[in-house]
Amino acid sequence: MTTNLLKQIGEPHRGAHPRGQRLRFVRKAQALAFSLDEIGRILSLRGRCKETCRCVVSIAEATLAETDTKLKKLQKFRYGLAANLKHWRGQVGRAAAAEFCALIEDSGSEASADGK
């Protein structure tokens, strides 16, 4: 799949090596939590006219909604982590590790409920 994605990005800018530039784009998109399928869909739109604008707007709206949801979940996790960290600093033993695992599991169950 990555090989196909590398072929889909247009010409390099400022003398950059095309394959290196493409790989950087794919990696940056993955770091932003785009799946390879989503990256492929975005790249396939490049260079198309009117239909591209509608598709880009649709993908951007969905991505914005997903990003907002993820940010809310991360913020909730952050608050829990900060609160527990104060408590854990004074603890010795396995209780902190178990509570840390529980905090992660609780956050993971919310994320898996929506398929992400």
Protein backbone atom coordinates (compact mmCIF):
# COMPACT_ATOMS: atom_id res chain seq x y z
CA MET A 1 0.00 0.00 0.00
CA THR A 2 2.79 2.43 0.88
CA THR A 3 4.41 1.90 -2.53
CA ASN A 4 1.16 2.96 -4.24
CA LEU A 5 0.93 6.00 -1.99
CA LEU A 6 4.45 7.02 -2.88
CA LYS A 7 3.48 7.09 -6.54
CA GLN A 8 0.38 9.26 -5.97
CA ILE A 9 2.04 12.47 -4.79
CA GLY A 10 2.80 14.95 -7.55
CA GLU A 11 6.10 16.36 -8.72
CA PRO A 12 8.75 17.30 -6.17
CA HIS A 13 9.29 20.90 -5.13
CA ARG A 14 12.67 22.68 -5.17
CA GLY A 15 14.65 19.72 -6.41
CA ALA A 16 13.54 17.34 -3.66
CA HIS A 17 13.80 13.65 -4.41
CA PRO A 18 10.24 12.53 -5.34
CA ARG A 19 10.29 9.28 -3.36
CA GLY A 20 11.71 10.97 -0.25
CA GLN A 21 9.14 13.76 -0.43
CA ARG A 22 6.32 11.27 -0.85
CA LEU A 23 7.48 9.18 2.05
CA ARG A 24 7.69 12.28 4.27
CA PHE A 25 4.13 13.20 3.30
CA VAL A 26 2.84 9.71 4.13
CA ARG A 27 4.68 9.69 7.46
CA LYS A 28 3.39 13.15 8.39
CA ALA A 29 -0.17 12.10 7.54
CA GLN A 30 0.23 8.91 9.60
CA ALA A 31 1.55 10.98 12.52
CA LEU A 32 -1.71 12.95 12.29
CA ALA A 33 -3.57 9.61 12.64
CA PHE A 34 -4.62 9.21 9.01
CA SER A 35 -4.84 5.58 7.91
CA LEU A 36 -3.09 4.46 4.74
CA ASP A 37 -6.50 4.14 3.05
CA GLU A 38 -7.36 7.73 4.00
CA ILE A 39 -3.99 8.97 2.77
CA GLY A 40 -4.50 7.15 -0.51
CA ARG A 41 -7.95 8.68 -0.92
CA ILE A 42 -6.59 12.17 -0.26
CA LEU A 43 -3.74 11.71 -2.71
CA SER A 44 -6.04 10.34 -5.40
CA LEU A 45 -7.96 13.63 -5.39
CA ARG A 46 -4.95 15.71 -6.36
CA GLY A 47 -5.31 17.40 -9.73
CA ARG A 48 -9.03 16.87 -10.21
CA CYS A 49 -11.32 19.84 -10.66
CA LYS A 50 -14.76 20.49 -9.15
CA GLU A 51 -15.29 17.04 -7.72
CA THR A 52 -12.02 17.40 -5.83
CA CYS A 53 -13.23 20.46 -3.94
CA ARG A 54 -16.39 18.68 -2.78
CA CYS A 55 -14.43 15.60 -1.76
CA VAL A 56 -11.78 17.59 0.06
CA VAL A 57 -14.43 19.53 1.98
CA SER A 58 -16.16 16.29 2.92
CA ILE A 59 -12.93 14.63 4.08
CA ALA A 60 -11.89 17.79 5.93
CA GLU A 61 -15.23 18.01 7.76
CA ALA A 62 -15.02 14.37 8.82
CA THR A 63 -11.39 14.79 9.88
CA LEU A 64 -12.25 17.88 11.92
CA ALA A 65 -15.05 16.04 13.73
CA GLU A 66 -12.78 13.06 14.45
CA THR A 67 -10.00 15.38 15.63
CA ASP A 68 -12.36 17.17 18.02
CA THR A 69 -13.49 13.83 19.46
CA LYS A 70 -9.90 12.63 19.90
CA LEU A 71 -8.90 15.90 21.54
CA LYS A 72 -11.76 15.62 24.05
CA LYS A 73 -10.70 12.07 24.91
CA LEU A 74 -7.06 13.07 25.22
CA GLN A 75 -7.97 16.05 27.42
CA LYS A 76 -10.01 13.78 29.72
CA PHE A 77 -7.09 11.32 29.86
CA ARG A 78 -4.68 14.17 30.59
CA TYR A 79 -6.78 15.41 33.52
CA GLY A 80 -6.95 11.89 34.96
CA LEU A 81 -3.24 11.40 34.44
CA ALA A 82 -2.35 14.72 36.12
CA ALA A 83 -4.61 13.98 39.10
CA ASN A 84 -3.21 10.47 39.57
CA LEU A 85 0.37 11.61 39.11
CA LYS A 86 0.17 13.72 42.26
CA HIS A 87 -1.03 10.64 44.15
CA TRP A 88 1.52 8.27 42.55
CA ARG A 89 4.50 10.42 43.47
CA GLY A 90 3.91 9.53 47.10
CA GLN A 91 3.31 5.81 46.48
CA VAL A 92 5.70 2.91 46.55
CA GLY A 93 4.89 -0.44 45.03
CA ARG A 94 2.59 -1.87 42.43
CA ALA A 95 -0.55 0.14 43.13
CA ALA A 96 0.59 3.02 40.90
CA ALA A 97 1.29 0.67 37.99
CA ALA A 98 -2.12 -0.99 38.33
CA GLU A 99 -3.87 2.38 38.51
CA PHE A 100 -1.89 3.63 35.50
CA CYS A 101 -2.95 0.56 33.53
CA ALA A 102 -6.57 1.09 34.59
CA LEU A 103 -6.43 4.72 33.46
CA ILE A 104 -5.14 3.64 30.04
CA GLU A 105 -7.69 0.83 29.75
CA ASP A 106 -10.55 3.19 30.63
CA SER A 107 -9.37 5.59 27.93
CA GLY A 108 -8.93 2.77 25.42
CA SER A 109 -12.46 1.47 25.96
CA GLU A 110 -13.87 4.86 24.97
CA ALA A 111 -11.72 4.94 21.84
CA SER A 112 -12.65 1.40 20.79
CA ALA A 113 -16.36 2.13 21.19
CA ASP A 114 -16.27 4.37 18.11
CA GLY A 115 -14.02 2.07 16.09
CA LYS A 116 -10.79 4.10 16.45
